[in-house]
Amino acid sequence: MGKCGGIVAIGFESSRILKNLGFSRFLELWGIISVNLAIVNLLPFPGLDGWQLLVLIVEATTRKKIPDKVKNIISFIGLALLFSLMAVILVFDVIKYIF
């Protein structure tokens, strides 16, 4: 534990932990990953669940509905940024761990 990376790094590290430290540490790692994923998912970034919570809070406080077209455009841009970030991290992981 302690290395940063994407899905390739997670695969390498979790298999290393399972091999060297045992099944309980492996489950502990995946528990930590699950909690981190839940916390990150609550960030108010378009495309994540936190974005939906932010929209609900804004609509409740202003008592005005944000147009669906605006929400869809912002969500699309957010998802495009997230997928771009995931692709960049995947490329760096492949370069680091495979080559």
N, C-alpha and C. Protein backbone atom coordinates (compact mmCIF):
# COMPACT_ATOMS: atom_id res chain seq x y z
N MET A 1 0.84 -1.17 0.00
CA MET A 1 0.00 0.00 0.00
C MET A 1 0.89 1.23 0.00
N GLY A 2 0.37 2.34 -0.49
CA GLY A 2 1.15 3.54 -0.50
C GLY A 2 1.46 4.04 -1.90
N LYS A 3 1.31 3.21 -2.91
CA LYS A 3 1.54 3.66 -4.26
C LYS A 3 0.25 4.25 -4.82
N CYS A 4 0.41 5.23 -5.69
CA CYS A 4 -0.75 5.83 -6.35
C CYS A 4 -0.85 5.28 -7.76
N GLY A 5 -2.04 5.27 -8.28
CA GLY A 5 -2.22 4.83 -9.64
C GLY A 5 -3.66 4.54 -9.94
N GLY A 6 -3.89 4.01 -11.11
CA GLY A 6 -5.22 3.70 -11.56
C GLY A 6 -5.53 2.22 -11.43
N ILE A 7 -6.32 1.74 -12.36
CA ILE A 7 -6.82 0.38 -12.26
C ILE A 7 -5.71 -0.66 -12.42
N VAL A 8 -4.73 -0.37 -13.25
CA VAL A 8 -3.62 -1.32 -13.42
C VAL A 8 -2.81 -1.40 -12.14
N ALA A 9 -2.53 -0.24 -11.52
CA ALA A 9 -1.79 -0.23 -10.26
C ALA A 9 -2.56 -0.94 -9.16
N ILE A 10 -3.87 -0.74 -9.13
CA ILE A 10 -4.70 -1.41 -8.12
C ILE A 10 -4.65 -2.92 -8.32
N GLY A 11 -4.69 -3.36 -9.56
CA GLY A 11 -4.60 -4.79 -9.83
C GLY A 11 -3.27 -5.39 -9.39
N PHE A 12 -2.19 -4.71 -9.73
CA PHE A 12 -0.86 -5.20 -9.33
C PHE A 12 -0.69 -5.21 -7.82
N GLU A 13 -1.09 -4.11 -7.18
CA GLU A 13 -0.92 -4.00 -5.73
C GLU A 13 -1.82 -4.98 -4.97
N SER A 14 -3.06 -5.13 -5.42
CA SER A 14 -3.95 -6.04 -4.70
C SER A 14 -3.51 -7.50 -4.87
N SER A 15 -3.01 -7.85 -6.04
CA SER A 15 -2.49 -9.22 -6.19
C SER A 15 -1.22 -9.43 -5.38
N ARG A 16 -0.38 -8.41 -5.27
CA ARG A 16 0.83 -8.50 -4.45
C ARG A 16 0.46 -8.67 -2.98
N ILE A 17 -0.53 -7.91 -2.53
CA ILE A 17 -0.97 -8.00 -1.14
C ILE A 17 -1.58 -9.37 -0.86
N LEU A 18 -2.39 -9.86 -1.78
CA LEU A 18 -2.99 -11.19 -1.59
C LEU A 18 -1.91 -12.27 -1.52
N LYS A 19 -0.91 -12.16 -2.36
CA LYS A 19 0.15 -13.16 -2.39
C LYS A 19 1.04 -13.09 -1.14
N ASN A 20 1.42 -11.89 -0.73
CA ASN A 20 2.42 -11.74 0.34
C ASN A 20 1.83 -11.59 1.74
N LEU A 21 0.66 -10.97 1.85
CA LEU A 21 0.15 -10.63 3.17
C LEU A 21 -1.11 -11.39 3.56
N GLY A 22 -1.74 -12.06 2.63
CA GLY A 22 -2.90 -12.88 2.96
C GLY A 22 -4.23 -12.25 2.62
N PHE A 23 -5.26 -13.09 2.80
CA PHE A 23 -6.61 -12.72 2.38
C PHE A 23 -7.21 -11.62 3.24
N SER A 24 -6.89 -11.58 4.53
CA SER A 24 -7.47 -10.55 5.39
C SER A 24 -6.97 -9.15 5.01
N ARG A 25 -5.70 -9.02 4.69
CA ARG A 25 -5.16 -7.73 4.24
C ARG A 25 -5.74 -7.35 2.88
N PHE A 26 -5.96 -8.36 2.02
CA PHE A 26 -6.57 -8.14 0.71
C PHE A 26 -7.97 -7.56 0.89
N LEU A 27 -8.76 -8.15 1.79
CA LEU A 27 -10.11 -7.63 2.06
C LEU A 27 -10.05 -6.24 2.68
N GLU A 28 -9.07 -6.01 3.53
CA GLU A 28 -8.90 -4.68 4.13
C GLU A 28 -8.62 -3.64 3.05
N LEU A 29 -7.76 -3.97 2.11
CA LEU A 29 -7.45 -3.07 1.00
C LEU A 29 -8.71 -2.73 0.22
N TRP A 30 -9.50 -3.73 -0.13
CA TRP A 30 -10.70 -3.49 -0.91
C TRP A 30 -11.77 -2.77 -0.10
N GLY A 31 -11.77 -2.94 1.20
CA GLY A 31 -12.67 -2.15 2.04
C GLY A 31 -12.29 -0.68 2.01
N ILE A 32 -11.00 -0.40 2.09
CA ILE A 32 -10.51 0.98 2.02
C ILE A 32 -10.82 1.59 0.66
N ILE A 33 -10.61 0.82 -0.40
CA ILE A 33 -10.93 1.31 -1.74
C ILE A 33 -12.41 1.63 -1.87
N SER A 34 -13.27 0.79 -1.31
CA SER A 34 -14.71 1.02 -1.39
C SER A 34 -15.13 2.28 -0.64
N VAL A 35 -14.58 2.49 0.54
CA VAL A 35 -14.91 3.69 1.31
C VAL A 35 -14.40 4.94 0.58
N ASN A 36 -13.19 4.87 0.04
CA ASN A 36 -12.66 6.01 -0.72
C ASN A 36 -13.51 6.32 -1.93
N LEU A 37 -13.95 5.29 -2.62
CA LEU A 37 -14.81 5.48 -3.79
C LEU A 37 -16.13 6.14 -3.41
N ALA A 38 -16.70 5.74 -2.29
CA ALA A 38 -17.95 6.34 -1.82
C ALA A 38 -17.76 7.82 -1.49
N ILE A 39 -16.65 8.15 -0.85
CA ILE A 39 -16.38 9.55 -0.49
C ILE A 39 -16.14 10.39 -1.74
N VAL A 40 -15.35 9.89 -2.66
CA VAL A 40 -15.06 10.63 -3.90
C VAL A 40 -16.33 10.81 -4.71
N ASN A 41 -17.20 9.83 -4.70
CA ASN A 41 -18.45 9.90 -5.46
C ASN A 41 -19.36 11.01 -4.94
N LEU A 42 -19.17 11.45 -3.70
CA LEU A 42 -19.98 12.52 -3.13
C LEU A 42 -19.43 13.91 -3.41
N LEU A 43 -18.31 14.00 -4.10
CA LEU A 43 -17.78 15.31 -4.48
C LEU A 43 -18.75 15.98 -5.45
N PRO A 44 -18.96 17.29 -5.30
CA PRO A 44 -19.91 17.98 -6.18
C PRO A 44 -19.33 18.29 -7.56
N PHE A 45 -18.97 17.24 -8.27
CA PHE A 45 -18.42 17.36 -9.62
C PHE A 45 -19.44 16.79 -10.60
N PRO A 46 -19.69 17.47 -11.71
CA PRO A 46 -20.68 16.95 -12.67
C PRO A 46 -20.34 15.53 -13.11
N GLY A 47 -21.34 14.69 -13.07
CA GLY A 47 -21.16 13.29 -13.44
C GLY A 47 -21.11 12.37 -12.23
N LEU A 48 -20.87 12.93 -11.06
CA LEU A 48 -20.84 12.14 -9.83
C LEU A 48 -22.13 12.38 -9.05
N ASP A 49 -22.38 11.56 -8.05
CA ASP A 49 -23.60 11.70 -7.24
C ASP A 49 -23.62 13.00 -6.45
N GLY A 50 -22.47 13.50 -6.07
CA GLY A 50 -22.39 14.76 -5.36
C GLY A 50 -22.94 15.92 -6.19
N TRP A 51 -22.81 15.81 -7.50
CA TRP A 51 -23.38 16.82 -8.40
C TRP A 51 -24.90 16.83 -8.28
N GLN A 52 -25.50 15.66 -8.21
CA GLN A 52 -26.96 15.60 -8.07
C GLN A 52 -27.40 16.18 -6.73
N LEU A 53 -26.63 15.91 -5.69
CA LEU A 53 -26.93 16.49 -4.38
C LEU A 53 -26.81 18.02 -4.41
N LEU A 54 -25.78 18.52 -5.07
CA LEU A 54 -25.60 19.96 -5.19
C LEU A 54 -26.76 20.59 -5.94
N VAL A 55 -27.19 19.97 -7.02
CA VAL A 55 -28.32 20.48 -7.79
C VAL A 55 -29.58 20.51 -6.92
N LEU A 56 -29.81 19.44 -6.16
CA LEU A 56 -30.97 19.41 -5.27
C LEU A 56 -30.91 20.51 -4.22
N ILE A 57 -29.74 20.74 -3.65
CA ILE A 57 -29.58 21.78 -2.64
C ILE A 57 -29.82 23.16 -3.24
N VAL A 58 -29.24 23.41 -4.42
CA VAL A 58 -29.42 24.71 -5.08
C VAL A 58 -30.89 24.92 -5.43
N GLU A 59 -31.53 23.91 -5.99
CA GLU A 59 -32.94 24.04 -6.35
C GLU A 59 -33.83 24.23 -5.12
N ALA A 60 -33.48 23.59 -4.02
CA ALA A 60 -34.27 23.72 -2.79
C ALA A 60 -34.10 25.10 -2.16
N THR A 61 -32.87 25.63 -2.20
CA THR A 61 -32.65 26.93 -1.57
C THR A 61 -33.18 28.08 -2.43
N THR A 62 -33.04 27.97 -3.74
CA THR A 62 -33.52 29.04 -4.61
C THR A 62 -34.98 28.87 -5.00
N ARG A 63 -35.50 27.66 -4.81
CA ARG A 63 -36.88 27.32 -5.20
C ARG A 63 -37.14 27.55 -6.67
N LYS A 64 -36.07 27.41 -7.45
CA LYS A 64 -36.17 27.48 -8.91
C LYS A 64 -35.54 26.23 -9.48
N LYS A 65 -36.17 25.68 -10.49
CA LYS A 65 -35.64 24.47 -11.12
C LYS A 65 -34.59 24.86 -12.16
N ILE A 66 -33.46 24.21 -12.09
CA ILE A 66 -32.43 24.40 -13.10
C ILE A 66 -32.91 23.67 -14.36
N PRO A 67 -32.85 24.33 -15.51
CA PRO A 67 -33.34 23.66 -16.73
C PRO A 67 -32.60 22.35 -17.00
N ASP A 68 -33.35 21.36 -17.44
CA ASP A 68 -32.76 20.05 -17.72
C ASP A 68 -31.65 20.13 -18.77
N LYS A 69 -31.83 21.01 -19.75
CA LYS A 69 -30.82 21.14 -20.79
C LYS A 69 -29.49 21.60 -20.19
N VAL A 70 -29.53 22.54 -19.27
CA VAL A 70 -28.31 23.04 -18.62
C VAL A 70 -27.66 21.93 -17.79
N LYS A 71 -28.48 21.21 -17.01
CA LYS A 71 -27.94 20.11 -16.21
C LYS A 71 -27.32 19.04 -17.09
N ASN A 72 -27.96 18.72 -18.20
CA ASN A 72 -27.43 17.69 -19.09
C ASN A 72 -26.11 18.12 -19.73
N ILE A 73 -26.03 19.38 -20.16
CA ILE A 73 -24.78 19.86 -20.77
C ILE A 73 -23.64 19.84 -19.75
N ILE A 74 -23.91 20.33 -18.54
CA ILE A 74 -22.86 20.35 -17.51
C ILE A 74 -22.45 18.93 -17.14
N SER A 75 -23.43 18.02 -17.02
CA SER A 75 -23.12 16.62 -16.70
C SER A 75 -22.29 15.98 -17.81
N PHE A 76 -22.62 16.28 -19.06
CA PHE A 76 -21.86 15.72 -20.19
C PHE A 76 -20.42 16.21 -20.15
N ILE A 77 -20.22 17.49 -19.91
CA ILE A 77 -18.86 18.04 -19.84
C ILE A 77 -18.10 17.41 -18.68
N GLY A 78 -18.75 17.27 -17.52
CA GLY A 78 -18.10 16.64 -16.38
C GLY A 78 -17.71 15.20 -16.64
N LEU A 79 -18.62 14.45 -17.27
CA LEU A 79 -18.30 13.06 -17.59
C LEU A 79 -17.17 12.97 -18.61
N ALA A 80 -17.17 13.88 -19.58
CA ALA A 80 -16.08 13.88 -20.57
C ALA A 80 -14.73 14.14 -19.88
N LEU A 81 -14.72 15.07 -18.92
CA LEU A 81 -13.49 15.34 -18.18
C LEU A 81 -13.06 14.14 -17.34
N LEU A 82 -14.05 13.49 -16.69
CA LEU A 82 -13.73 12.30 -15.88
C LEU A 82 -13.17 11.17 -16.75
N PHE A 83 -13.80 10.92 -17.89
CA PHE A 83 -13.31 9.85 -18.77
C PHE A 83 -11.94 10.19 -19.34
N SER A 84 -11.70 11.48 -19.62
CA SER A 84 -10.37 11.88 -20.10
C SER A 84 -9.31 11.64 -19.02
N LEU A 85 -9.64 12.02 -17.80
CA LEU A 85 -8.71 11.78 -16.69
C LEU A 85 -8.46 10.28 -16.51
N MET A 86 -9.50 9.47 -16.60
CA MET A 86 -9.34 8.02 -16.46
C MET A 86 -8.44 7.47 -17.58
N ALA A 87 -8.59 7.98 -18.80
CA ALA A 87 -7.76 7.51 -19.91
C ALA A 87 -6.30 7.88 -19.70
N VAL A 88 -6.05 9.10 -19.24
CA VAL A 88 -4.68 9.54 -18.98
C VAL A 88 -4.04 8.68 -17.89
N ILE A 89 -4.77 8.44 -16.82
CA ILE A 89 -4.24 7.61 -15.72
C ILE A 89 -3.99 6.19 -16.21
N LEU A 90 -4.87 5.65 -17.03
CA LEU A 90 -4.67 4.31 -17.56
C LEU A 90 -3.41 4.24 -18.42
N VAL A 91 -3.20 5.24 -19.26
CA VAL A 91 -2.00 5.24 -20.11
C VAL A 91 -0.74 5.29 -19.24
N PHE A 92 -0.72 6.16 -18.22
CA PHE A 92 0.45 6.23 -17.34
C PHE A 92 0.65 4.93 -16.58
N ASP A 93 -0.45 4.28 -16.15
CA ASP A 93 -0.34 2.99 -15.46
C ASP A 93 0.26 1.93 -16.37
N VAL A 94 -0.22 1.88 -17.59
CA VAL A 94 0.29 0.87 -18.53
C VAL A 94 1.77 1.10 -18.79
N ILE A 95 2.15 2.36 -18.98
CA ILE A 95 3.57 2.68 -19.20
C ILE A 95 4.40 2.29 -17.99
N LYS A 96 3.89 2.57 -16.79
CA LYS A 96 4.65 2.31 -15.56
C LYS A 96 4.74 0.83 -15.23
N TYR A 97 3.65 0.11 -15.36
CA TYR A 97 3.61 -1.27 -14.88
C TYR A 97 3.85 -2.31 -15.97
N ILE A 98 3.54 -2.00 -17.19
CA ILE A 98 3.68 -3.01 -18.26
C ILE A 98 5.01 -2.86 -18.98
N PHE A 99 5.43 -1.64 -19.26
CA PHE A 99 6.66 -1.45 -20.03
C PHE A 99 7.83 -1.22 -19.16
